[in-house]
Amino acid sequence: MDGPGFHVDVDRLEEAGGAIKKAVAEQDNVELRGLVGEADVYGHTPLRDALMDVCVRWRPHRRSG
């Protein structure tokens, strides 16, 4: 697929999408929240809070189908 100033390899795009979907599915039984330590480990509370936010957001959402 081409457009003005770009080219998209559709097969590669679909391959990447499949890999992302697989990675998310593999996280189904992993609690990322447990990976985050206490704030003093990071030396900066906002950094720790940002990491926790990422881990909480990344938790897989159970979807039907």
N, C-alpha and C. Protein backbone atom coordinates (compact mmCIF):
# COMPACT_ATOMS: atom_id res chain seq x y z
N MET A 1 0.86 -1.17 0.00
CA MET A 1 0.00 0.00 0.00
C MET A 1 0.90 1.23 0.00
N ASP A 2 0.68 2.09 -0.93
CA ASP A 2 1.50 3.30 -1.04
C ASP A 2 0.62 4.54 -1.00
N GLY A 3 1.22 5.58 -0.56
CA GLY A 3 0.56 6.88 -0.54
C GLY A 3 1.61 7.94 -0.78
N PRO A 4 1.21 9.18 -0.75
CA PRO A 4 2.18 10.26 -0.98
C PRO A 4 3.24 10.28 0.13
N GLY A 5 4.45 9.86 -0.22
CA GLY A 5 5.55 9.93 0.73
C GLY A 5 5.67 8.76 1.69
N PHE A 6 4.90 7.67 1.48
CA PHE A 6 5.05 6.53 2.37
C PHE A 6 4.71 5.23 1.66
N HIS A 7 5.20 4.14 2.24
CA HIS A 7 4.91 2.80 1.76
C HIS A 7 4.59 1.95 2.98
N VAL A 8 3.56 1.16 2.89
CA VAL A 8 3.18 0.25 3.98
C VAL A 8 3.22 -1.17 3.44
N ASP A 9 4.04 -1.99 4.09
CA ASP A 9 4.09 -3.41 3.77
C ASP A 9 2.99 -4.07 4.61
N VAL A 10 1.85 -4.35 3.99
CA VAL A 10 0.68 -4.84 4.69
C VAL A 10 0.97 -6.17 5.39
N ASP A 11 1.71 -7.05 4.75
CA ASP A 11 2.06 -8.32 5.39
C ASP A 11 2.84 -8.10 6.67
N ARG A 12 3.81 -7.19 6.65
CA ARG A 12 4.60 -6.89 7.84
C ARG A 12 3.74 -6.24 8.92
N LEU A 13 2.84 -5.39 8.51
CA LEU A 13 1.95 -4.73 9.47
C LEU A 13 1.05 -5.76 10.16
N GLU A 14 0.52 -6.68 9.39
CA GLU A 14 -0.32 -7.74 9.98
C GLU A 14 0.51 -8.65 10.89
N GLU A 15 1.74 -8.92 10.49
CA GLU A 15 2.64 -9.74 11.31
C GLU A 15 2.93 -9.05 12.65
N ALA A 16 3.19 -7.76 12.60
CA ALA A 16 3.45 -7.00 13.83
C ALA A 16 2.21 -6.99 14.72
N GLY A 17 1.05 -6.79 14.13
CA GLY A 17 -0.19 -6.80 14.90
C GLY A 17 -0.42 -8.14 15.57
N GLY A 18 -0.14 -9.23 14.86
CA GLY A 18 -0.27 -10.56 15.44
C GLY A 18 0.70 -10.78 16.60
N ALA A 19 1.92 -10.27 16.45
CA ALA A 19 2.92 -10.41 17.51
C ALA A 19 2.52 -9.62 18.75
N ILE A 20 1.96 -8.45 18.56
CA ILE A 20 1.49 -7.65 19.70
C ILE A 20 0.34 -8.36 20.39
N LYS A 21 -0.59 -8.86 19.63
CA LYS A 21 -1.73 -9.59 20.20
C LYS A 21 -1.24 -10.79 21.00
N LYS A 22 -0.26 -11.51 20.47
CA LYS A 22 0.30 -12.68 21.17
C LYS A 22 0.98 -12.25 22.47
N ALA A 23 1.75 -11.17 22.43
CA ALA A 23 2.44 -10.70 23.63
C ALA A 23 1.45 -10.32 24.72
N VAL A 24 0.38 -9.66 24.35
CA VAL A 24 -0.64 -9.28 25.33
C VAL A 24 -1.31 -10.52 25.90
N ALA A 25 -1.62 -11.49 25.05
CA ALA A 25 -2.26 -12.73 25.52
C ALA A 25 -1.35 -13.49 26.47
N GLU A 26 -0.05 -13.46 26.22
CA GLU A 26 0.89 -14.17 27.09
C GLU A 26 1.00 -13.52 28.46
N GLN A 27 0.58 -12.28 28.59
CA GLN A 27 0.61 -11.59 29.88
C GLN A 27 -0.63 -11.87 30.71
N ASP A 28 -1.52 -12.70 30.20
CA ASP A 28 -2.80 -12.95 30.85
C ASP A 28 -2.67 -13.39 32.30
N ASN A 29 -1.65 -14.15 32.63
CA ASN A 29 -1.51 -14.66 33.99
C ASN A 29 -0.40 -13.95 34.77
N VAL A 30 0.04 -12.81 34.31
CA VAL A 30 1.14 -12.11 34.95
C VAL A 30 0.60 -10.84 35.61
N GLU A 31 0.92 -10.66 36.86
CA GLU A 31 0.56 -9.42 37.55
C GLU A 31 1.74 -8.48 37.53
N LEU A 32 1.72 -7.50 36.66
CA LEU A 32 2.83 -6.56 36.56
C LEU A 32 2.91 -5.66 37.79
N ARG A 33 1.82 -5.47 38.48
CA ARG A 33 1.81 -4.61 39.66
C ARG A 33 2.88 -5.07 40.66
N GLY A 34 3.09 -6.39 40.75
CA GLY A 34 4.06 -6.93 41.70
C GLY A 34 5.50 -6.64 41.34
N LEU A 35 5.76 -6.15 40.14
CA LEU A 35 7.13 -5.85 39.73
C LEU A 35 7.64 -4.52 40.28
N VAL A 36 6.74 -3.67 40.70
CA VAL A 36 7.12 -2.33 41.14
C VAL A 36 7.48 -2.37 42.62
N GLY A 37 8.68 -1.86 42.95
CA GLY A 37 9.12 -1.81 44.34
C GLY A 37 8.65 -0.55 45.04
N GLU A 38 9.14 -0.36 46.23
CA GLU A 38 8.80 0.84 47.00
C GLU A 38 9.52 2.05 46.42
N ALA A 39 9.01 3.24 46.73
CA ALA A 39 9.55 4.48 46.17
C ALA A 39 11.04 4.67 46.46
N ASP A 40 11.49 4.25 47.65
CA ASP A 40 12.90 4.46 47.99
C ASP A 40 13.85 3.65 47.11
N VAL A 41 13.35 2.59 46.49
CA VAL A 41 14.17 1.79 45.57
C VAL A 41 14.53 2.63 44.35
N TYR A 42 13.63 3.49 43.93
CA TYR A 42 13.83 4.30 42.73
C TYR A 42 14.44 5.66 43.04
N GLY A 43 14.38 6.06 44.30
CA GLY A 43 14.96 7.35 44.70
C GLY A 43 14.14 8.55 44.26
N HIS A 44 12.97 8.27 43.73
CA HIS A 44 12.15 9.38 43.22
C HIS A 44 10.71 8.89 43.16
N THR A 45 9.87 9.40 44.03
CA THR A 45 8.49 8.94 44.12
C THR A 45 7.72 9.08 42.80
N PRO A 46 7.83 10.23 42.10
CA PRO A 46 7.10 10.34 40.83
C PRO A 46 7.53 9.28 39.80
N LEU A 47 8.80 8.90 39.80
CA LEU A 47 9.25 7.86 38.87
C LEU A 47 8.60 6.53 39.23
N ARG A 48 8.57 6.20 40.49
CA ARG A 48 7.93 4.97 40.94
C ARG A 48 6.45 4.98 40.60
N ASP A 49 5.80 6.11 40.82
CA ASP A 49 4.37 6.22 40.53
C ASP A 49 4.09 6.07 39.04
N ALA A 50 4.96 6.62 38.21
CA ALA A 50 4.80 6.50 36.76
C ALA A 50 4.96 5.04 36.32
N LEU A 51 5.93 4.34 36.90
CA LEU A 51 6.12 2.93 36.57
C LEU A 51 4.90 2.11 36.99
N MET A 52 4.36 2.39 38.17
CA MET A 52 3.17 1.69 38.64
C MET A 52 2.01 1.95 37.69
N ASP A 53 1.87 3.19 37.23
CA ASP A 53 0.79 3.54 36.31
C ASP A 53 0.90 2.73 35.02
N VAL A 54 2.11 2.60 34.48
CA VAL A 54 2.31 1.82 33.26
C VAL A 54 1.94 0.36 33.51
N CYS A 55 2.39 -0.20 34.63
CA CYS A 55 2.10 -1.60 34.92
C CYS A 55 0.61 -1.85 35.09
N VAL A 56 -0.08 -0.93 35.74
CA VAL A 56 -1.52 -1.10 35.93
C VAL A 56 -2.24 -0.99 34.59
N ARG A 57 -1.85 -0.06 33.76
CA ARG A 57 -2.49 0.10 32.45
C ARG A 57 -2.23 -1.08 31.54
N TRP A 58 -1.06 -1.72 31.66
CA TRP A 58 -0.69 -2.81 30.77
C TRP A 58 -1.41 -4.10 31.11
N ARG A 59 -1.99 -4.18 32.32
CA ARG A 59 -2.69 -5.41 32.68
C ARG A 59 -3.65 -5.77 31.58
N PRO A 60 -3.63 -7.02 31.15
CA PRO A 60 -4.52 -7.40 30.06
C PRO A 60 -5.97 -7.31 30.49
N HIS A 61 -6.78 -6.89 29.58
CA HIS A 61 -8.22 -6.83 29.82
C HIS A 61 -8.83 -8.09 29.26
N ARG A 62 -9.58 -8.75 30.04
CA ARG A 62 -10.21 -9.97 29.56
C ARG A 62 -11.30 -9.60 28.55
N ARG A 63 -11.19 -10.21 27.41
CA ARG A 63 -12.15 -9.96 26.34
C ARG A 63 -12.80 -11.27 25.95
N SER A 64 -14.05 -11.21 25.65
CA SER A 64 -14.71 -12.43 25.17
C SER A 64 -14.47 -12.55 23.67
N GLY A 65 -14.35 -13.80 23.20
CA GLY A 65 -14.20 -14.04 21.78
C GLY A 65 -12.81 -14.09 21.42
